[in-house]
């Protein structure tokens, strides 16, 4: 299949064109990527993947374990997703972010430098 989603198959007296109209392929597993950029000031992006529709919760915590932001708390469709966090009103420091989607849960560290 070519990059444009069209494949040609020879069949006797003429080619048969087959087209693929689906979107991007779905991820094979749940995952949480490292935020980018890291360290950041004041905005960063968090990317994650969902192999199936799921209720997703993404929260940010300070180093003391106190919740400082709730970025996502809703049902999302399967696929590659991202959310941005603007920490302009937060002090410099290490923060943790955690995703919960179905039975999947993962956490990562990020560093805000002002």
N, C-alpha and C. Protein backbone atom coordinates (compact mmCIF):
# COMPACT_ATOMS: atom_id res chain seq x y z
N UNK A 1 0.86 -1.17 0.00
CA UNK A 1 0.00 0.00 0.00
C UNK A 1 0.90 1.23 0.00
N UNK A 2 0.63 2.18 -0.84
CA UNK A 2 1.38 3.42 -0.89
C UNK A 2 0.96 4.33 0.25
N UNK A 3 1.74 5.39 0.49
CA UNK A 3 1.46 6.32 1.57
C UNK A 3 0.12 7.02 1.46
N UNK A 4 -0.46 7.08 0.25
CA UNK A 4 -1.74 7.76 0.08
C UNK A 4 -2.93 6.86 0.35
N UNK A 5 -2.67 5.59 0.75
CA UNK A 5 -3.77 4.69 1.09
C UNK A 5 -4.37 3.98 -0.10
N UNK A 6 -3.64 3.87 -1.22
CA UNK A 6 -4.16 3.19 -2.40
C UNK A 6 -3.22 2.07 -2.78
N UNK A 7 -3.77 0.90 -3.06
CA UNK A 7 -2.99 -0.24 -3.54
C UNK A 7 -3.59 -0.68 -4.87
N UNK A 8 -2.74 -1.12 -5.80
CA UNK A 8 -3.22 -1.61 -7.08
C UNK A 8 -2.84 -3.07 -7.21
N UNK A 9 -3.80 -3.90 -7.58
CA UNK A 9 -3.59 -5.33 -7.72
C UNK A 9 -3.90 -5.71 -9.16
N UNK A 10 -2.96 -6.37 -9.84
CA UNK A 10 -3.20 -6.80 -11.21
C UNK A 10 -4.21 -7.94 -11.24
N UNK A 11 -5.18 -7.87 -12.17
CA UNK A 11 -6.19 -8.92 -12.26
C UNK A 11 -6.61 -9.11 -13.71
N UNK A 12 -5.92 -9.98 -14.40
CA UNK A 12 -6.33 -10.30 -15.77
C UNK A 12 -6.24 -9.13 -16.72
N UNK A 13 -7.38 -8.59 -17.13
CA UNK A 13 -7.41 -7.55 -18.15
C UNK A 13 -7.38 -6.13 -17.61
N UNK A 14 -7.20 -5.93 -16.33
CA UNK A 14 -7.11 -4.57 -15.80
C UNK A 14 -6.83 -4.59 -14.31
N UNK A 15 -6.22 -3.52 -13.81
CA UNK A 15 -5.92 -3.46 -12.38
C UNK A 15 -7.18 -3.20 -11.56
N UNK A 16 -7.14 -3.64 -10.34
CA UNK A 16 -8.21 -3.39 -9.38
C UNK A 16 -7.65 -2.43 -8.35
N UNK A 17 -8.29 -1.31 -8.13
CA UNK A 17 -7.81 -0.34 -7.14
C UNK A 17 -8.53 -0.59 -5.82
N UNK A 18 -7.74 -0.64 -4.76
CA UNK A 18 -8.28 -0.83 -3.42
C UNK A 18 -7.85 0.38 -2.61
N UNK A 19 -8.78 1.00 -1.93
CA UNK A 19 -8.40 2.15 -1.11
C UNK A 19 -8.73 1.88 0.34
N UNK A 20 -7.92 2.44 1.20
CA UNK A 20 -8.09 2.32 2.64
C UNK A 20 -8.53 3.68 3.14
N UNK A 21 -9.70 3.74 3.78
CA UNK A 21 -10.22 5.02 4.22
C UNK A 21 -10.15 5.20 5.73
N UNK A 22 -9.57 4.23 6.44
CA UNK A 22 -9.48 4.33 7.89
C UNK A 22 -8.46 5.37 8.30
N UNK A 23 -8.51 5.79 9.54
CA UNK A 23 -7.55 6.76 10.06
C UNK A 23 -6.24 6.08 10.39
N UNK A 24 -5.46 6.72 11.22
CA UNK A 24 -4.19 6.17 11.65
C UNK A 24 -4.43 4.89 12.42
N UNK A 25 -3.48 3.95 12.34
CA UNK A 25 -3.67 2.70 13.09
C UNK A 25 -3.72 2.96 14.60
N UNK A 26 -4.45 2.12 15.29
CA UNK A 26 -4.58 2.28 16.74
C UNK A 26 -3.34 1.73 17.44
N UNK A 27 -2.97 2.32 18.57
CA UNK A 27 -1.83 1.79 19.32
C UNK A 27 -2.14 0.39 19.84
N UNK A 28 -1.09 -0.40 20.06
CA UNK A 28 -1.26 -1.76 20.53
C UNK A 28 -1.41 -1.88 22.03
N UNK A 29 -1.03 -0.83 22.78
CA UNK A 29 -1.10 -0.90 24.23
C UNK A 29 -1.24 0.50 24.82
N UNK A 30 -1.66 0.54 26.07
CA UNK A 30 -1.71 1.81 26.79
C UNK A 30 -0.27 2.27 27.03
N UNK A 31 -0.03 3.57 26.94
CA UNK A 31 1.30 4.08 27.27
C UNK A 31 1.21 5.55 27.67
N UNK A 32 2.22 5.97 28.43
CA UNK A 32 2.36 7.36 28.85
C UNK A 32 3.78 7.78 28.52
N UNK A 33 3.93 8.79 27.68
CA UNK A 33 5.25 9.26 27.27
C UNK A 33 5.78 10.31 28.25
N UNK A 34 7.09 10.53 28.18
CA UNK A 34 7.69 11.61 28.95
C UNK A 34 7.23 12.93 28.38
N UNK A 35 6.95 13.89 29.25
CA UNK A 35 6.49 15.20 28.77
C UNK A 35 7.59 15.85 27.93
N UNK A 36 7.18 16.78 27.07
CA UNK A 36 8.13 17.49 26.21
C UNK A 36 7.72 18.94 26.11
N UNK A 37 8.61 19.88 26.24
CA UNK A 37 10.00 19.69 26.67
C UNK A 37 10.08 19.40 28.17
N UNK A 38 11.22 18.89 28.57
CA UNK A 38 11.46 18.62 29.99
C UNK A 38 12.96 18.78 30.23
N UNK A 39 13.38 19.74 31.01
CA UNK A 39 12.61 20.72 31.79
C UNK A 39 11.83 21.68 30.88
N UNK A 40 10.84 22.34 31.49
CA UNK A 40 9.99 23.24 30.71
C UNK A 40 9.75 24.54 31.46
N UNK A 41 9.29 25.54 30.72
CA UNK A 41 8.93 26.84 31.29
C UNK A 41 8.07 27.61 30.29
N UNK A 42 6.85 27.91 30.53
CA UNK A 42 5.97 27.36 31.55
C UNK A 42 5.05 26.28 31.00
N UNK A 43 5.15 25.95 29.67
CA UNK A 43 4.20 24.99 29.07
C UNK A 43 4.91 23.70 28.67
N UNK A 44 4.18 22.60 28.80
CA UNK A 44 4.70 21.30 28.38
C UNK A 44 3.56 20.46 27.81
N UNK A 45 3.91 19.45 27.04
CA UNK A 45 2.92 18.56 26.42
C UNK A 45 3.13 17.15 26.95
N UNK A 46 2.03 16.48 27.26
CA UNK A 46 2.04 15.10 27.73
C UNK A 46 1.28 14.27 26.69
N UNK A 47 1.96 13.26 26.15
CA UNK A 47 1.35 12.39 25.14
C UNK A 47 1.09 11.02 25.73
N UNK A 48 0.01 10.39 25.28
CA UNK A 48 -0.36 9.07 25.76
C UNK A 48 -1.13 8.35 24.67
N UNK A 49 -1.19 7.03 24.78
CA UNK A 49 -1.92 6.26 23.77
C UNK A 49 -2.92 5.33 24.43
N UNK A 50 -4.05 5.16 23.75
CA UNK A 50 -5.15 4.33 24.23
C UNK A 50 -5.51 3.32 23.14
N UNK A 51 -5.34 2.02 23.38
CA UNK A 51 -5.72 1.04 22.37
C UNK A 51 -7.23 0.83 22.27
N UNK A 52 -7.97 1.32 23.25
CA UNK A 52 -9.44 1.21 23.27
C UNK A 52 -10.01 2.45 23.94
N UNK A 53 -11.28 2.72 23.68
CA UNK A 53 -11.95 3.83 24.37
C UNK A 53 -11.85 3.60 25.87
N UNK A 54 -11.62 4.67 26.62
CA UNK A 54 -11.48 4.51 28.08
C UNK A 54 -11.75 5.84 28.78
N UNK A 55 -12.15 5.74 30.04
CA UNK A 55 -12.22 6.93 30.89
C UNK A 55 -10.80 7.22 31.34
N UNK A 56 -10.34 8.42 31.07
CA UNK A 56 -8.95 8.80 31.34
C UNK A 56 -8.91 9.90 32.39
N UNK A 57 -8.02 9.73 33.35
CA UNK A 57 -7.77 10.75 34.37
C UNK A 57 -6.27 11.02 34.36
N UNK A 58 -5.91 12.29 34.16
CA UNK A 58 -4.51 12.69 34.25
C UNK A 58 -4.43 13.83 35.24
N UNK A 59 -3.63 13.62 36.29
CA UNK A 59 -3.47 14.62 37.34
C UNK A 59 -1.99 14.92 37.53
N UNK A 60 -1.72 16.14 38.01
CA UNK A 60 -0.36 16.58 38.31
C UNK A 60 -0.25 16.79 39.81
N UNK A 61 0.88 16.33 40.37
CA UNK A 61 1.12 16.42 41.81
C UNK A 61 2.45 17.11 42.06
N UNK A 62 2.54 17.84 43.17
CA UNK A 62 3.83 18.40 43.55
C UNK A 62 4.64 17.32 44.25
N UNK A 63 5.86 17.63 44.64
CA UNK A 63 6.76 16.64 45.22
C UNK A 63 6.26 16.14 46.59
N UNK A 64 5.35 16.87 47.22
CA UNK A 64 4.77 16.44 48.49
C UNK A 64 3.58 15.50 48.29
N UNK A 65 3.20 15.29 47.03
CA UNK A 65 2.07 14.41 46.73
C UNK A 65 0.73 15.11 46.69
N UNK A 66 0.74 16.43 46.77
CA UNK A 66 -0.50 17.21 46.72
C UNK A 66 -0.91 17.44 45.26
N UNK A 67 -2.18 17.21 44.96
CA UNK A 67 -2.67 17.45 43.60
C UNK A 67 -2.67 18.95 43.31
N UNK A 68 -2.05 19.34 42.19
CA UNK A 68 -1.98 20.75 41.82
C UNK A 68 -2.75 21.04 40.53
N UNK A 69 -3.07 20.00 39.76
CA UNK A 69 -3.83 20.21 38.51
C UNK A 69 -4.49 18.91 38.08
N UNK A 70 -5.68 19.03 37.51
CA UNK A 70 -6.37 17.91 36.88
C UNK A 70 -6.49 18.26 35.41
N UNK A 71 -5.76 17.55 34.56
CA UNK A 71 -5.68 17.89 33.14
C UNK A 71 -6.76 17.21 32.31
N UNK A 72 -7.10 15.98 32.66
CA UNK A 72 -8.12 15.22 31.92
C UNK A 72 -8.92 14.42 32.94
N UNK A 73 -10.23 14.39 32.75
CA UNK A 73 -11.10 13.55 33.58
C UNK A 73 -12.38 13.29 32.79
N UNK A 74 -12.23 12.47 31.73
CA UNK A 74 -13.39 12.19 30.87
C UNK A 74 -13.09 10.97 29.99
N UNK A 75 -14.12 10.48 29.34
CA UNK A 75 -13.97 9.36 28.40
C UNK A 75 -13.33 9.88 27.11
N UNK A 76 -12.34 9.14 26.61
CA UNK A 76 -11.66 9.49 25.37
C UNK A 76 -11.69 8.31 24.40
N UNK A 77 -11.64 8.61 23.11
CA UNK A 77 -11.61 7.58 22.09
C UNK A 77 -10.22 6.99 21.99
N UNK A 78 -10.14 5.76 21.51
CA UNK A 78 -8.87 5.09 21.29
C UNK A 78 -8.02 5.87 20.30
N UNK A 79 -6.70 5.83 20.49
CA UNK A 79 -5.80 6.51 19.58
C UNK A 79 -4.67 7.19 20.33
N UNK A 80 -3.91 7.99 19.59
CA UNK A 80 -2.81 8.74 20.15
C UNK A 80 -3.34 10.10 20.59
N UNK A 81 -3.10 10.46 21.84
CA UNK A 81 -3.68 11.67 22.43
C UNK A 81 -2.58 12.51 23.06
N UNK A 82 -2.88 13.76 23.33
CA UNK A 82 -1.95 14.63 24.06
C UNK A 82 -2.74 15.70 24.80
N UNK A 83 -2.11 16.22 25.85
CA UNK A 83 -2.70 17.30 26.63
C UNK A 83 -1.57 18.24 27.01
N UNK A 84 -1.84 19.54 27.00
CA UNK A 84 -0.84 20.54 27.37
C UNK A 84 -1.10 21.03 28.79
N UNK A 85 -0.02 21.35 29.49
CA UNK A 85 -0.14 21.92 30.83
C UNK A 85 0.60 23.24 30.86
N UNK A 86 -0.10 24.29 31.24
CA UNK A 86 0.50 25.62 31.41
C UNK A 86 0.69 25.84 32.90
N UNK A 87 1.95 25.81 33.34
CA UNK A 87 2.28 25.93 34.76
C UNK A 87 2.79 27.33 35.09
N UNK A 88 2.29 28.34 34.40
CA UNK A 88 2.75 29.71 34.60
C UNK A 88 2.56 30.19 36.03
N UNK A 89 1.53 29.69 36.72
CA UNK A 89 1.27 30.15 38.08
C UNK A 89 1.82 29.20 39.15
N UNK A 90 2.68 28.26 38.74
CA UNK A 90 3.26 27.29 39.67
C UNK A 90 4.72 27.64 39.93
N UNK A 91 5.24 27.31 41.13
CA UNK A 91 6.66 27.56 41.41
C UNK A 91 7.55 26.51 40.73
N UNK A 92 8.81 26.88 40.52
CA UNK A 92 9.78 25.93 39.99
C UNK A 92 9.85 24.70 40.88
N UNK A 93 10.12 23.55 40.27
CA UNK A 93 10.27 22.34 41.06
C UNK A 93 9.97 21.09 40.27
N UNK A 94 10.04 19.97 40.98
CA UNK A 94 9.75 18.67 40.40
C UNK A 94 8.26 18.39 40.59
N UNK A 95 7.62 17.93 39.53
CA UNK A 95 6.21 17.55 39.57
C UNK A 95 6.07 16.13 39.03
N UNK A 96 5.04 15.46 39.45
CA UNK A 96 4.71 14.13 38.97
C UNK A 96 3.38 14.20 38.24
N UNK A 97 3.25 13.47 37.15
CA UNK A 97 1.94 13.37 36.51
C UNK A 97 1.59 11.89 36.39
N UNK A 98 0.29 11.61 36.56
CA UNK A 98 -0.19 10.23 36.58
C UNK A 98 -1.40 10.10 35.69
N UNK A 99 -1.41 9.02 34.91
CA UNK A 99 -2.57 8.68 34.09
C UNK A 99 -3.21 7.42 34.65
N UNK A 100 -4.53 7.41 34.65
CA UNK A 100 -5.30 6.21 34.94
C UNK A 100 -6.30 6.07 33.81
N UNK A 101 -6.26 4.91 33.13
CA UNK A 101 -7.17 4.63 32.02
C UNK A 101 -7.55 3.16 32.11
N UNK A 102 -8.77 2.90 32.53
CA UNK A 102 -9.17 1.51 32.75
C UNK A 102 -8.33 0.94 33.87
N UNK A 103 -7.69 -0.20 33.63
CA UNK A 103 -6.83 -0.81 34.65
C UNK A 103 -5.38 -0.36 34.52
N UNK A 104 -5.08 0.48 33.51
CA UNK A 104 -3.72 0.98 33.30
C UNK A 104 -3.46 2.21 34.15
N UNK A 105 -2.28 2.26 34.75
CA UNK A 105 -1.86 3.42 35.51
C UNK A 105 -0.35 3.57 35.35
N UNK A 106 0.11 4.81 35.16
CA UNK A 106 1.54 5.08 35.04
C UNK A 106 1.82 6.50 35.49
N UNK A 107 3.06 6.73 35.93
CA UNK A 107 3.47 8.06 36.41
C UNK A 107 4.83 8.41 35.82
N UNK A 108 5.09 9.72 35.72
CA UNK A 108 6.39 10.23 35.26
C UNK A 108 6.70 11.51 36.02
N UNK A 109 7.98 11.85 36.05
CA UNK A 109 8.44 13.10 36.67
C UNK A 109 8.66 14.15 35.59
N UNK A 110 8.49 15.41 35.96
CA UNK A 110 8.83 16.53 35.09
C UNK A 110 9.38 17.66 35.94
N UNK A 111 10.13 18.53 35.29
CA UNK A 111 10.83 19.61 36.00
C UNK A 111 10.46 20.96 35.41
N UNK A 112 9.88 21.81 36.24
CA UNK A 112 9.55 23.18 35.86
C UNK A 112 10.68 24.08 36.34
N UNK A 113 11.32 24.77 35.40
CA UNK A 113 12.41 25.72 35.72
C UNK A 113 12.00 27.10 35.25
N UNK A 114 11.98 28.04 36.16
CA UNK A 114 11.65 29.43 35.80
C UNK A 114 12.86 30.30 35.93
